N, C-alpha and C. Protein backbone atom coordinates (compact mmCIF):
# COMPACT_ATOMS: atom_id res chain seq x y z
N UNK A 1 -15.16 -6.53 26.13
CA UNK A 1 -15.13 -7.60 27.13
C UNK A 1 -15.75 -8.86 26.54
N UNK A 2 -15.03 -10.01 26.66
CA UNK A 2 -15.56 -11.28 26.18
C UNK A 2 -16.68 -11.72 27.11
N UNK A 3 -17.84 -12.06 26.56
CA UNK A 3 -19.01 -12.29 27.41
C UNK A 3 -19.42 -13.76 27.50
N UNK A 4 -18.65 -14.67 26.86
CA UNK A 4 -19.04 -16.08 26.84
C UNK A 4 -19.42 -16.64 28.20
N UNK A 5 -18.45 -16.75 29.14
CA UNK A 5 -18.75 -17.35 30.44
C UNK A 5 -19.23 -16.35 31.49
N UNK A 6 -19.36 -15.10 31.13
CA UNK A 6 -19.76 -14.10 32.11
C UNK A 6 -21.20 -14.32 32.55
N UNK A 7 -21.40 -14.47 33.86
CA UNK A 7 -22.74 -14.67 34.40
C UNK A 7 -23.35 -13.37 34.92
N UNK A 8 -22.48 -12.40 35.24
CA UNK A 8 -22.97 -11.12 35.74
C UNK A 8 -21.85 -10.09 35.59
N UNK A 9 -22.28 -8.85 35.43
CA UNK A 9 -21.32 -7.75 35.27
C UNK A 9 -21.67 -6.65 36.27
N UNK A 10 -20.67 -6.21 37.01
CA UNK A 10 -20.88 -5.21 38.04
C UNK A 10 -20.13 -3.92 37.70
N UNK A 11 -20.71 -2.82 38.14
CA UNK A 11 -20.04 -1.52 38.09
C UNK A 11 -19.87 -1.04 39.51
N UNK A 12 -18.60 -0.82 39.90
CA UNK A 12 -18.29 -0.38 41.25
C UNK A 12 -17.85 1.08 41.19
N UNK A 13 -18.54 1.93 41.93
CA UNK A 13 -18.17 3.34 42.04
C UNK A 13 -17.35 3.51 43.31
N UNK A 14 -16.13 4.03 43.15
CA UNK A 14 -15.24 4.11 44.30
C UNK A 14 -14.42 5.40 44.29
N UNK A 15 -13.78 5.67 45.42
CA UNK A 15 -12.93 6.85 45.55
C UNK A 15 -11.52 6.45 45.92
N UNK A 16 -10.56 7.30 45.54
CA UNK A 16 -9.16 7.12 45.89
C UNK A 16 -8.72 8.34 46.73
N UNK A 17 -8.19 8.05 47.91
CA UNK A 17 -7.78 9.13 48.81
C UNK A 17 -6.43 8.80 49.44
N UNK A 18 -5.92 9.78 50.17
CA UNK A 18 -4.69 9.62 50.95
C UNK A 18 -3.54 9.10 50.06
N UNK A 19 -2.73 8.19 50.59
CA UNK A 19 -1.55 7.72 49.85
C UNK A 19 -1.93 6.93 48.60
N UNK A 20 -3.17 6.44 48.55
CA UNK A 20 -3.58 5.65 47.40
C UNK A 20 -3.60 6.48 46.11
N UNK A 21 -3.63 7.80 46.24
CA UNK A 21 -3.64 8.64 45.04
C UNK A 21 -2.34 8.54 44.25
N UNK A 22 -1.30 7.97 44.87
CA UNK A 22 -0.02 7.78 44.18
C UNK A 22 0.11 6.38 43.59
N UNK A 23 -0.95 5.60 43.64
CA UNK A 23 -0.97 4.27 43.05
C UNK A 23 -1.45 4.36 41.61
N UNK A 24 -0.65 3.87 40.67
CA UNK A 24 -0.96 3.99 39.25
C UNK A 24 -2.09 3.09 38.80
N UNK A 25 -2.47 3.24 37.54
CA UNK A 25 -3.60 2.54 36.96
C UNK A 25 -3.45 1.03 37.03
N UNK A 26 -2.28 0.50 36.62
CA UNK A 26 -2.08 -0.95 36.62
C UNK A 26 -2.05 -1.50 38.05
N UNK A 27 -1.41 -0.77 38.94
CA UNK A 27 -1.32 -1.25 40.33
C UNK A 27 -2.67 -1.20 41.03
N UNK A 28 -3.50 -0.21 40.70
CA UNK A 28 -4.81 -0.14 41.36
C UNK A 28 -5.69 -1.31 40.93
N UNK A 29 -5.50 -1.81 39.71
CA UNK A 29 -6.24 -2.99 39.29
C UNK A 29 -5.79 -4.21 40.09
N UNK A 30 -4.49 -4.29 40.40
CA UNK A 30 -4.00 -5.40 41.23
C UNK A 30 -4.56 -5.28 42.64
N UNK A 31 -4.64 -4.05 43.13
CA UNK A 31 -5.25 -3.83 44.45
C UNK A 31 -6.69 -4.33 44.44
N UNK A 32 -7.41 -3.99 43.39
CA UNK A 32 -8.81 -4.40 43.30
C UNK A 32 -8.94 -5.92 43.21
N UNK A 33 -8.04 -6.58 42.51
CA UNK A 33 -8.10 -8.04 42.43
C UNK A 33 -7.97 -8.65 43.83
N UNK A 34 -7.00 -8.16 44.60
CA UNK A 34 -6.81 -8.69 45.96
C UNK A 34 -8.03 -8.40 46.83
N UNK A 35 -8.57 -7.19 46.71
CA UNK A 35 -9.71 -6.80 47.54
C UNK A 35 -10.93 -7.66 47.23
N UNK A 36 -11.23 -7.86 45.96
CA UNK A 36 -12.42 -8.62 45.58
C UNK A 36 -12.28 -10.10 45.93
N UNK A 37 -11.06 -10.59 45.86
CA UNK A 37 -10.84 -11.99 46.28
C UNK A 37 -11.05 -12.13 47.78
N UNK A 38 -10.54 -11.17 48.55
CA UNK A 38 -10.73 -11.22 50.00
C UNK A 38 -12.19 -11.03 50.38
N UNK A 39 -12.92 -10.28 49.55
CA UNK A 39 -14.35 -10.07 49.80
C UNK A 39 -15.18 -11.26 49.32
N UNK A 40 -14.50 -12.26 48.75
CA UNK A 40 -15.13 -13.51 48.32
C UNK A 40 -16.12 -13.30 47.17
N UNK A 41 -15.77 -12.40 46.24
CA UNK A 41 -16.59 -12.25 45.04
C UNK A 41 -16.10 -13.22 43.97
N UNK A 42 -17.02 -13.85 43.23
CA UNK A 42 -16.64 -14.84 42.22
C UNK A 42 -16.13 -14.18 40.92
N UNK A 43 -14.93 -13.64 40.98
CA UNK A 43 -14.36 -12.94 39.82
C UNK A 43 -14.12 -13.93 38.69
N UNK A 44 -14.39 -13.49 37.47
CA UNK A 44 -14.12 -14.30 36.29
C UNK A 44 -12.70 -14.00 35.80
N UNK A 45 -11.95 -15.06 35.49
CA UNK A 45 -10.58 -14.91 35.01
C UNK A 45 -10.49 -15.35 33.55
N UNK A 46 -9.50 -14.81 32.87
CA UNK A 46 -9.25 -15.20 31.48
C UNK A 46 -8.71 -16.63 31.44
N UNK A 47 -8.78 -17.24 30.27
CA UNK A 47 -8.26 -18.58 30.07
C UNK A 47 -6.77 -18.51 29.74
N UNK A 48 -6.09 -19.65 29.80
CA UNK A 48 -4.71 -19.72 29.36
C UNK A 48 -3.70 -19.73 30.50
N UNK A 49 -2.41 -19.60 30.13
CA UNK A 49 -1.32 -19.72 31.09
C UNK A 49 -1.27 -18.53 32.05
N UNK A 50 -1.37 -17.33 31.52
CA UNK A 50 -1.29 -16.12 32.33
C UNK A 50 -2.69 -15.55 32.54
N UNK A 51 -3.39 -16.14 33.49
CA UNK A 51 -4.78 -15.72 33.71
C UNK A 51 -4.84 -14.35 34.38
N UNK A 52 -5.85 -13.58 34.03
CA UNK A 52 -6.05 -12.25 34.60
C UNK A 52 -7.53 -12.05 34.90
N UNK A 53 -7.84 -11.29 35.91
CA UNK A 53 -9.25 -11.02 36.21
C UNK A 53 -9.87 -10.17 35.11
N UNK A 54 -11.11 -10.42 34.79
CA UNK A 54 -11.80 -9.64 33.78
C UNK A 54 -12.42 -8.42 34.44
N UNK A 55 -11.59 -7.41 34.58
CA UNK A 55 -12.03 -6.14 35.15
C UNK A 55 -11.29 -5.01 34.45
N UNK A 56 -11.96 -3.88 34.34
CA UNK A 56 -11.38 -2.72 33.67
C UNK A 56 -11.82 -1.45 34.39
N UNK A 57 -10.89 -0.52 34.51
CA UNK A 57 -11.23 0.81 34.99
C UNK A 57 -11.83 1.60 33.83
N UNK A 58 -12.80 2.44 34.13
CA UNK A 58 -13.45 3.21 33.08
C UNK A 58 -12.46 4.16 32.41
N UNK A 59 -11.59 4.78 33.21
CA UNK A 59 -10.57 5.67 32.68
C UNK A 59 -9.50 5.84 33.73
N UNK A 60 -8.28 6.11 33.29
CA UNK A 60 -7.17 6.27 34.22
C UNK A 60 -7.30 7.58 34.99
N UNK A 61 -6.82 7.56 36.22
CA UNK A 61 -6.76 8.77 37.04
C UNK A 61 -5.29 9.15 37.18
N UNK A 62 -4.91 10.36 36.77
CA UNK A 62 -3.50 10.77 36.88
C UNK A 62 -2.99 10.66 38.30
N UNK A 63 -1.72 10.34 38.45
CA UNK A 63 -1.11 10.22 39.78
C UNK A 63 -1.21 11.54 40.55
N UNK A 64 -1.44 11.42 41.83
CA UNK A 64 -1.48 12.58 42.69
C UNK A 64 -2.84 13.24 42.81
N UNK A 65 -3.83 12.72 42.10
CA UNK A 65 -5.18 13.28 42.13
C UNK A 65 -6.09 12.35 42.92
N UNK A 66 -6.85 12.90 43.86
CA UNK A 66 -7.84 12.10 44.56
C UNK A 66 -9.14 12.10 43.76
N UNK A 67 -10.06 11.22 44.13
CA UNK A 67 -11.30 11.10 43.36
C UNK A 67 -12.41 10.51 44.23
N UNK A 68 -13.63 10.84 43.85
CA UNK A 68 -14.81 10.25 44.50
C UNK A 68 -15.74 9.61 43.47
N UNK A 69 -15.25 9.38 42.26
CA UNK A 69 -16.16 8.96 41.19
C UNK A 69 -15.56 7.93 40.23
N UNK A 70 -14.54 7.19 40.66
CA UNK A 70 -13.93 6.21 39.77
C UNK A 70 -14.87 5.03 39.55
N UNK A 71 -14.75 4.40 38.39
CA UNK A 71 -15.64 3.30 38.02
C UNK A 71 -14.83 2.07 37.63
N UNK A 72 -15.22 0.93 38.18
CA UNK A 72 -14.59 -0.34 37.87
C UNK A 72 -15.62 -1.29 37.28
N UNK A 73 -15.29 -1.90 36.16
CA UNK A 73 -16.15 -2.84 35.45
C UNK A 73 -15.64 -4.25 35.75
N UNK A 74 -16.48 -5.09 36.38
CA UNK A 74 -16.04 -6.42 36.83
C UNK A 74 -16.98 -7.50 36.29
N UNK A 75 -16.39 -8.56 35.72
CA UNK A 75 -17.16 -9.71 35.25
C UNK A 75 -17.11 -10.81 36.31
N UNK A 76 -18.26 -11.45 36.56
CA UNK A 76 -18.35 -12.53 37.55
C UNK A 76 -18.71 -13.85 36.88
N UNK A 77 -18.21 -14.93 37.46
CA UNK A 77 -18.51 -16.27 36.94
C UNK A 77 -19.79 -16.84 37.55
N UNK A 78 -20.29 -16.20 38.62
CA UNK A 78 -21.54 -16.59 39.27
C UNK A 78 -22.34 -15.33 39.57
N UNK A 79 -23.65 -15.45 39.60
CA UNK A 79 -24.50 -14.30 39.87
C UNK A 79 -24.58 -14.01 41.36
N UNK A 80 -24.69 -12.72 41.68
CA UNK A 80 -24.98 -12.26 43.03
C UNK A 80 -26.36 -11.63 43.04
N UNK A 81 -27.09 -11.85 44.12
CA UNK A 81 -28.46 -11.34 44.19
C UNK A 81 -28.61 -10.16 45.15
N UNK A 82 -27.67 -9.99 46.06
CA UNK A 82 -27.76 -8.93 47.06
C UNK A 82 -26.66 -7.91 46.82
N UNK A 83 -27.06 -6.63 46.68
CA UNK A 83 -26.09 -5.57 46.40
C UNK A 83 -25.99 -4.55 47.53
N UNK A 84 -27.00 -4.45 48.37
CA UNK A 84 -27.02 -3.42 49.42
C UNK A 84 -25.84 -3.56 50.38
N UNK A 85 -25.43 -4.79 50.66
CA UNK A 85 -24.37 -5.01 51.64
C UNK A 85 -22.99 -5.12 51.00
N UNK A 86 -22.91 -5.12 49.67
CA UNK A 86 -21.63 -5.31 49.00
C UNK A 86 -20.62 -4.20 49.29
N UNK A 87 -21.01 -2.92 49.27
CA UNK A 87 -20.02 -1.89 49.57
C UNK A 87 -19.35 -2.10 50.93
N UNK A 88 -20.13 -2.41 51.96
CA UNK A 88 -19.56 -2.64 53.28
C UNK A 88 -18.70 -3.89 53.30
N UNK A 89 -19.13 -4.92 52.58
CA UNK A 89 -18.37 -6.17 52.50
C UNK A 89 -17.01 -5.94 51.86
N UNK A 90 -16.97 -5.11 50.83
CA UNK A 90 -15.71 -4.81 50.16
C UNK A 90 -14.85 -3.89 51.00
N UNK A 91 -15.48 -2.88 51.62
CA UNK A 91 -14.73 -1.93 52.44
C UNK A 91 -14.06 -2.60 53.63
N UNK A 92 -14.64 -3.69 54.10
CA UNK A 92 -14.10 -4.39 55.27
C UNK A 92 -12.71 -4.96 54.99
N UNK A 93 -12.38 -5.19 53.72
CA UNK A 93 -11.08 -5.78 53.37
C UNK A 93 -10.27 -4.85 52.47
N UNK A 94 -10.72 -3.61 52.31
CA UNK A 94 -10.05 -2.66 51.42
C UNK A 94 -8.93 -1.93 52.16
N UNK A 95 -7.90 -1.51 51.44
CA UNK A 95 -6.82 -0.75 52.07
C UNK A 95 -7.24 0.68 52.38
N UNK A 96 -6.47 1.35 53.21
CA UNK A 96 -6.75 2.74 53.54
C UNK A 96 -6.72 3.58 52.27
N UNK A 97 -7.66 4.49 52.16
CA UNK A 97 -7.71 5.36 50.99
C UNK A 97 -8.67 4.90 49.91
N UNK A 98 -9.16 3.68 50.01
CA UNK A 98 -10.12 3.15 49.03
C UNK A 98 -11.51 3.17 49.64
N UNK A 99 -12.41 3.92 49.05
CA UNK A 99 -13.77 4.02 49.56
C UNK A 99 -14.76 3.58 48.49
N UNK A 100 -15.65 2.67 48.84
CA UNK A 100 -16.65 2.14 47.90
C UNK A 100 -17.98 2.83 48.16
N UNK A 101 -18.55 3.43 47.13
CA UNK A 101 -19.81 4.15 47.26
C UNK A 101 -21.01 3.33 46.82
N UNK A 102 -20.85 2.54 45.75
CA UNK A 102 -21.99 1.80 45.21
C UNK A 102 -21.51 0.62 44.38
N UNK A 103 -22.32 -0.42 44.36
CA UNK A 103 -22.11 -1.58 43.48
C UNK A 103 -23.43 -1.85 42.80
N UNK A 104 -23.43 -1.88 41.48
CA UNK A 104 -24.67 -2.12 40.75
C UNK A 104 -24.44 -3.04 39.56
N UNK A 105 -25.49 -3.72 39.18
CA UNK A 105 -25.42 -4.62 38.02
C UNK A 105 -25.64 -3.82 36.75
N UNK A 106 -24.85 -4.12 35.72
CA UNK A 106 -25.00 -3.50 34.41
C UNK A 106 -25.12 -4.60 33.37
N UNK A 107 -25.69 -4.30 32.20
CA UNK A 107 -25.92 -5.35 31.19
C UNK A 107 -24.63 -6.03 30.74
N UNK A 108 -24.68 -7.35 30.68
CA UNK A 108 -23.51 -8.13 30.24
C UNK A 108 -23.09 -7.72 28.84
N UNK A 109 -24.05 -7.49 27.97
CA UNK A 109 -23.73 -7.18 26.59
C UNK A 109 -23.58 -5.67 26.35
N UNK A 110 -23.61 -4.90 27.40
CA UNK A 110 -23.44 -3.46 27.24
C UNK A 110 -22.02 -3.11 26.84
N UNK A 111 -21.80 -1.90 26.32
CA UNK A 111 -20.47 -1.50 25.89
C UNK A 111 -19.52 -1.34 27.08
N UNK A 112 -18.22 -1.52 26.86
CA UNK A 112 -17.25 -1.29 27.94
C UNK A 112 -17.33 0.15 28.45
N UNK A 113 -17.15 0.32 29.74
CA UNK A 113 -17.21 1.66 30.31
C UNK A 113 -16.17 2.58 29.68
N UNK A 114 -15.04 2.01 29.26
CA UNK A 114 -13.98 2.82 28.65
C UNK A 114 -14.47 3.56 27.41
N UNK A 115 -15.43 2.99 26.70
CA UNK A 115 -15.93 3.63 25.49
C UNK A 115 -17.03 4.64 25.78
N UNK A 116 -17.53 4.67 27.01
CA UNK A 116 -18.64 5.56 27.37
C UNK A 116 -18.20 6.84 28.04
N UNK A 117 -17.03 6.83 28.67
CA UNK A 117 -16.56 8.03 29.38
C UNK A 117 -16.32 9.15 28.38
N UNK A 118 -16.88 10.31 28.65
CA UNK A 118 -16.72 11.43 27.74
C UNK A 118 -16.17 12.70 28.41
N UNK A 119 -16.46 12.87 29.70
CA UNK A 119 -16.07 14.11 30.37
C UNK A 119 -15.78 13.85 31.84
N UNK A 120 -15.07 14.81 32.45
CA UNK A 120 -14.77 14.71 33.87
C UNK A 120 -14.75 16.12 34.48
N UNK A 121 -15.05 16.18 35.76
CA UNK A 121 -14.96 17.45 36.49
C UNK A 121 -13.87 17.35 37.56
N UNK A 122 -13.13 18.43 37.71
CA UNK A 122 -12.04 18.49 38.68
C UNK A 122 -12.19 19.72 39.57
N UNK A 123 -11.82 19.55 40.83
CA UNK A 123 -11.76 20.64 41.79
C UNK A 123 -10.28 20.86 42.09
N UNK A 124 -9.77 22.06 41.77
CA UNK A 124 -8.35 22.35 41.90
C UNK A 124 -8.16 23.45 42.95
N UNK A 125 -7.50 23.09 44.04
CA UNK A 125 -7.27 24.02 45.16
C UNK A 125 -5.83 24.51 45.13
N UNK A 126 -5.64 25.81 45.16
CA UNK A 126 -4.30 26.41 45.18
C UNK A 126 -3.86 26.55 46.64
N UNK A 127 -2.94 25.70 47.05
CA UNK A 127 -2.55 25.60 48.45
C UNK A 127 -2.00 26.92 48.98
N UNK A 128 -1.21 27.59 48.19
CA UNK A 128 -0.62 28.86 48.61
C UNK A 128 -1.51 30.06 48.30
N UNK A 129 -2.72 29.80 47.83
CA UNK A 129 -3.64 30.87 47.49
C UNK A 129 -3.35 31.44 46.11
N UNK A 130 -4.32 32.16 45.56
CA UNK A 130 -4.16 32.79 44.26
C UNK A 130 -5.11 33.98 44.20
N UNK A 131 -4.67 35.02 43.54
CA UNK A 131 -5.50 36.20 43.38
C UNK A 131 -6.70 35.87 42.49
N UNK A 132 -7.90 36.11 42.98
CA UNK A 132 -9.10 35.72 42.24
C UNK A 132 -9.20 36.46 40.91
N UNK A 133 -8.86 37.72 40.90
CA UNK A 133 -8.94 38.49 39.66
C UNK A 133 -7.95 37.96 38.63
N UNK A 134 -6.77 37.60 39.10
CA UNK A 134 -5.75 37.04 38.19
C UNK A 134 -6.22 35.71 37.62
N UNK A 135 -6.78 34.85 38.48
CA UNK A 135 -7.26 33.55 38.02
C UNK A 135 -8.39 33.73 37.01
N UNK A 136 -9.31 34.66 37.28
CA UNK A 136 -10.41 34.90 36.35
C UNK A 136 -9.88 35.41 35.01
N UNK A 137 -8.86 36.25 35.05
CA UNK A 137 -8.28 36.76 33.80
C UNK A 137 -7.65 35.63 32.99
N UNK A 138 -7.00 34.69 33.66
CA UNK A 138 -6.41 33.55 32.97
C UNK A 138 -7.50 32.67 32.36
N UNK A 139 -8.60 32.50 33.09
CA UNK A 139 -9.73 31.73 32.56
C UNK A 139 -10.31 32.41 31.33
N UNK A 140 -10.53 33.70 31.42
CA UNK A 140 -11.10 34.44 30.28
C UNK A 140 -10.19 34.35 29.06
N UNK A 141 -8.89 34.43 29.29
CA UNK A 141 -7.94 34.38 28.17
C UNK A 141 -7.98 33.04 27.46
N UNK A 142 -7.99 31.96 28.23
CA UNK A 142 -7.94 30.63 27.61
C UNK A 142 -9.27 30.28 26.94
N UNK A 143 -10.39 30.72 27.53
CA UNK A 143 -11.69 30.42 26.93
C UNK A 143 -11.95 31.26 25.69
N UNK A 144 -11.28 32.38 25.58
CA UNK A 144 -11.46 33.25 24.41
C UNK A 144 -10.72 32.75 23.17
N UNK A 145 -9.78 31.84 23.37
CA UNK A 145 -9.00 31.35 22.24
C UNK A 145 -9.80 30.35 21.42
N UNK A 146 -9.69 30.45 20.11
CA UNK A 146 -10.39 29.53 19.23
C UNK A 146 -9.63 28.21 19.09
N UNK A 147 -8.31 28.29 19.14
CA UNK A 147 -7.48 27.10 19.03
C UNK A 147 -6.30 27.22 19.99
N UNK A 148 -5.91 26.07 20.54
CA UNK A 148 -4.71 26.00 21.37
C UNK A 148 -3.91 24.79 20.89
N UNK A 149 -2.99 25.03 20.00
CA UNK A 149 -2.25 23.94 19.38
C UNK A 149 -1.08 23.54 20.26
N UNK A 150 -1.02 22.27 20.59
CA UNK A 150 0.07 21.72 21.40
C UNK A 150 0.88 20.76 20.54
N UNK A 151 2.19 20.93 20.57
CA UNK A 151 3.09 20.06 19.83
C UNK A 151 3.80 19.14 20.81
N UNK A 152 3.76 17.86 20.55
CA UNK A 152 4.42 16.88 21.41
C UNK A 152 5.45 16.11 20.60
N UNK A 153 6.54 15.74 21.25
CA UNK A 153 7.60 14.96 20.61
C UNK A 153 7.53 13.54 21.16
N UNK A 154 7.26 12.58 20.30
CA UNK A 154 7.17 11.19 20.72
C UNK A 154 8.56 10.59 20.93
N UNK A 155 8.59 9.38 21.48
CA UNK A 155 9.87 8.74 21.78
C UNK A 155 10.70 8.50 20.53
N UNK A 156 10.04 8.30 19.40
CA UNK A 156 10.78 8.08 18.15
C UNK A 156 11.22 9.39 17.50
N UNK A 157 10.98 10.50 18.18
CA UNK A 157 11.39 11.80 17.65
C UNK A 157 10.36 12.47 16.78
N UNK A 158 9.31 11.77 16.46
CA UNK A 158 8.27 12.34 15.60
C UNK A 158 7.41 13.33 16.38
N UNK A 159 7.12 14.46 15.73
CA UNK A 159 6.30 15.49 16.35
C UNK A 159 4.84 15.34 15.92
N UNK A 160 3.95 15.50 16.89
CA UNK A 160 2.52 15.49 16.60
C UNK A 160 1.90 16.74 17.21
N UNK A 161 0.85 17.21 16.60
CA UNK A 161 0.17 18.40 17.11
C UNK A 161 -1.32 18.12 17.28
N UNK A 162 -1.91 18.79 18.25
CA UNK A 162 -3.35 18.63 18.50
C UNK A 162 -3.89 19.94 19.06
N UNK A 163 -5.20 20.10 18.93
CA UNK A 163 -5.86 21.30 19.43
C UNK A 163 -6.46 21.00 20.81
N UNK A 164 -5.95 21.67 21.83
CA UNK A 164 -6.41 21.46 23.19
C UNK A 164 -7.75 22.15 23.46
N UNK A 165 -8.05 23.18 22.71
CA UNK A 165 -9.21 24.02 23.04
C UNK A 165 -10.53 23.26 23.10
N UNK A 166 -10.84 22.33 22.15
CA UNK A 166 -12.13 21.62 22.24
C UNK A 166 -12.25 20.73 23.48
N UNK A 167 -11.12 20.42 24.12
CA UNK A 167 -11.14 19.55 25.29
C UNK A 167 -11.43 20.31 26.57
N UNK A 168 -11.40 21.65 26.51
CA UNK A 168 -11.73 22.49 27.67
C UNK A 168 -13.20 22.87 27.55
N UNK A 169 -14.05 22.23 28.32
CA UNK A 169 -15.48 22.42 28.19
C UNK A 169 -15.99 23.61 29.00
N UNK A 170 -15.44 23.81 30.19
CA UNK A 170 -15.87 24.94 31.02
C UNK A 170 -14.87 25.12 32.15
N UNK A 171 -14.67 26.37 32.56
CA UNK A 171 -13.82 26.71 33.70
C UNK A 171 -14.55 27.73 34.55
N UNK A 172 -14.43 27.58 35.86
CA UNK A 172 -15.13 28.50 36.75
C UNK A 172 -14.36 28.59 38.07
N UNK A 173 -14.74 29.53 38.90
CA UNK A 173 -14.15 29.70 40.23
C UNK A 173 -15.27 29.57 41.26
N UNK A 174 -15.05 28.77 42.30
CA UNK A 174 -16.09 28.63 43.32
C UNK A 174 -15.93 29.72 44.38
N UNK A 175 -16.78 29.68 45.40
CA UNK A 175 -16.79 30.72 46.43
C UNK A 175 -15.51 30.76 47.25
N UNK A 176 -14.77 29.65 47.28
CA UNK A 176 -13.52 29.60 48.03
C UNK A 176 -12.31 30.00 47.17
N UNK A 177 -12.55 30.32 45.91
CA UNK A 177 -11.46 30.70 45.02
C UNK A 177 -10.76 29.53 44.37
N UNK A 178 -11.36 28.34 44.44
CA UNK A 178 -10.79 27.17 43.78
C UNK A 178 -11.25 27.08 42.33
N UNK A 179 -10.42 26.48 41.50
CA UNK A 179 -10.73 26.34 40.08
C UNK A 179 -11.56 25.08 39.85
N UNK A 180 -12.67 25.22 39.16
CA UNK A 180 -13.52 24.10 38.77
C UNK A 180 -13.36 23.89 37.27
N UNK A 181 -12.85 22.74 36.90
CA UNK A 181 -12.55 22.47 35.49
C UNK A 181 -13.38 21.31 34.97
N UNK A 182 -14.09 21.55 33.88
CA UNK A 182 -14.90 20.54 33.20
C UNK A 182 -14.17 20.22 31.89
N UNK A 183 -13.58 19.02 31.81
CA UNK A 183 -12.67 18.68 30.72
C UNK A 183 -13.10 17.39 30.03
N UNK A 184 -12.74 17.27 28.76
CA UNK A 184 -12.98 16.02 28.04
C UNK A 184 -12.12 14.92 28.65
N UNK A 185 -12.67 13.71 28.66
CA UNK A 185 -11.95 12.56 29.21
C UNK A 185 -12.34 11.32 28.42
N UNK A 186 -11.49 10.30 28.50
CA UNK A 186 -11.81 9.05 27.83
C UNK A 186 -11.13 8.88 26.49
N UNK A 187 -11.57 7.88 25.77
CA UNK A 187 -10.93 7.50 24.52
C UNK A 187 -11.13 8.51 23.40
N UNK A 188 -12.19 9.31 23.48
CA UNK A 188 -12.49 10.24 22.40
C UNK A 188 -11.81 11.59 22.55
N UNK A 189 -11.01 11.74 23.58
CA UNK A 189 -10.30 12.98 23.83
C UNK A 189 -10.11 13.17 25.31
N UNK A 190 -8.86 13.33 25.73
CA UNK A 190 -8.58 13.38 27.16
C UNK A 190 -7.63 14.53 27.47
N UNK A 191 -7.99 15.37 28.40
CA UNK A 191 -7.13 16.47 28.82
C UNK A 191 -6.89 16.36 30.32
N UNK A 192 -5.64 16.24 30.70
CA UNK A 192 -5.30 16.17 32.11
C UNK A 192 -5.25 17.57 32.70
N UNK A 193 -5.71 17.72 33.93
CA UNK A 193 -5.73 19.05 34.55
C UNK A 193 -4.34 19.67 34.65
N UNK A 194 -3.29 18.85 34.79
CA UNK A 194 -1.93 19.41 34.85
C UNK A 194 -1.58 20.12 33.56
N UNK A 195 -2.02 19.58 32.42
CA UNK A 195 -1.75 20.22 31.13
C UNK A 195 -2.54 21.53 31.02
N UNK A 196 -3.75 21.54 31.56
CA UNK A 196 -4.53 22.77 31.57
C UNK A 196 -3.83 23.84 32.38
N UNK A 197 -3.36 23.50 33.58
CA UNK A 197 -2.68 24.47 34.43
C UNK A 197 -1.42 25.01 33.76
N UNK A 198 -0.69 24.13 33.07
CA UNK A 198 0.51 24.57 32.38
C UNK A 198 0.17 25.59 31.30
N UNK A 199 -0.92 25.34 30.57
CA UNK A 199 -1.34 26.26 29.52
C UNK A 199 -1.80 27.59 30.10
N UNK A 200 -2.31 27.57 31.31
CA UNK A 200 -2.76 28.79 31.97
C UNK A 200 -1.61 29.54 32.65
N UNK A 201 -0.40 28.98 32.56
CA UNK A 201 0.74 29.60 33.22
C UNK A 201 0.80 29.32 34.70
N UNK A 202 0.13 28.25 35.14
CA UNK A 202 0.07 27.89 36.56
C UNK A 202 0.67 26.52 36.82
N UNK A 203 1.53 26.08 35.91
CA UNK A 203 2.10 24.75 36.02
C UNK A 203 2.98 24.54 37.24
N UNK A 204 3.53 25.62 37.79
CA UNK A 204 4.41 25.51 38.96
C UNK A 204 3.66 25.73 40.27
N UNK A 205 2.38 26.01 40.19
CA UNK A 205 1.60 26.26 41.41
C UNK A 205 1.45 24.98 42.24
N UNK A 206 1.46 25.13 43.56
CA UNK A 206 1.25 23.99 44.46
C UNK A 206 -0.26 23.81 44.62
N UNK A 207 -0.78 22.71 44.10
CA UNK A 207 -2.23 22.51 44.08
C UNK A 207 -2.60 21.14 44.64
N UNK A 208 -3.84 21.02 45.06
CA UNK A 208 -4.46 19.73 45.37
C UNK A 208 -5.62 19.55 44.39
N UNK A 209 -5.63 18.43 43.69
CA UNK A 209 -6.64 18.20 42.66
C UNK A 209 -7.51 17.00 43.02
N UNK A 210 -8.79 17.14 42.76
CA UNK A 210 -9.75 16.11 43.12
C UNK A 210 -10.76 15.95 41.99
N UNK A 211 -10.95 14.72 41.53
CA UNK A 211 -11.94 14.47 40.48
C UNK A 211 -13.30 14.22 41.14
N UNK A 212 -14.27 15.05 40.79
CA UNK A 212 -15.58 15.01 41.45
C UNK A 212 -16.64 14.26 40.66
N UNK A 213 -16.46 14.09 39.36
CA UNK A 213 -17.50 13.43 38.57
C UNK A 213 -16.93 12.92 37.25
N UNK A 214 -17.45 11.78 36.83
CA UNK A 214 -17.21 11.24 35.50
C UNK A 214 -18.55 11.18 34.78
N UNK A 215 -18.55 11.56 33.51
CA UNK A 215 -19.76 11.51 32.71
C UNK A 215 -19.68 10.35 31.72
N UNK A 216 -20.73 9.53 31.72
CA UNK A 216 -20.83 8.44 30.76
C UNK A 216 -21.90 8.83 29.74
N UNK A 217 -21.47 9.19 28.55
CA UNK A 217 -22.39 9.66 27.51
C UNK A 217 -23.26 10.80 28.04
N UNK A 218 -24.56 10.56 28.18
CA UNK A 218 -25.47 11.65 28.54
C UNK A 218 -25.90 11.64 29.99
N UNK A 219 -25.27 10.81 30.83
CA UNK A 219 -25.66 10.81 32.23
C UNK A 219 -24.42 10.79 33.11
N UNK A 220 -24.60 11.20 34.34
CA UNK A 220 -23.48 11.39 35.26
C UNK A 220 -23.52 10.31 36.34
N UNK A 221 -22.31 9.83 36.69
CA UNK A 221 -22.17 8.91 37.81
C UNK A 221 -21.39 9.64 38.90
N UNK A 222 -21.96 9.75 40.08
CA UNK A 222 -21.27 10.44 41.17
C UNK A 222 -20.76 9.43 42.20
């Protein structure tokens, strides 16, 4: 992030629910631009002909997944001194499905949030139910593997391979029989829960997925 004219930098923790879960990464940034303008926040814009707000999502959220832990990095052209009322101020002009949990100041010269995200937790509910013993057996099988090589074909026809196994940090089952997945996320390695389910042989299962936490380096933001 260019820091020349930046007077303040905010981190907004928010959730995506309901129909908003089908709004993609680029469109959700446009939603945020409209919301912050309506909330009368002094957003900083880029210079030049095609100006854009200086804001970035910490990491993309796959379509169809709800979340309670998304992070937005916003640069301001003027400083704000009061933060306690900002969540309510933003929520008053936010669309249905967008929930703001916290707004806090972060160092202007600090690293972009995109470079700090390392892990994510997901809660995966099997709508039609699933046999607990079968699910546990699938978990045991995938965690016992030393390598899980995935081959992908790019648009140019070139094949690439990668090892999925290091991106699966932990898998568990909660008391309700839902799958809890702790997966790598961010620029240093990202595994989508849909790819995990496909590898477990559950790619066709009807599920509801919810991201419960994002980890920034050694600390967690809820």
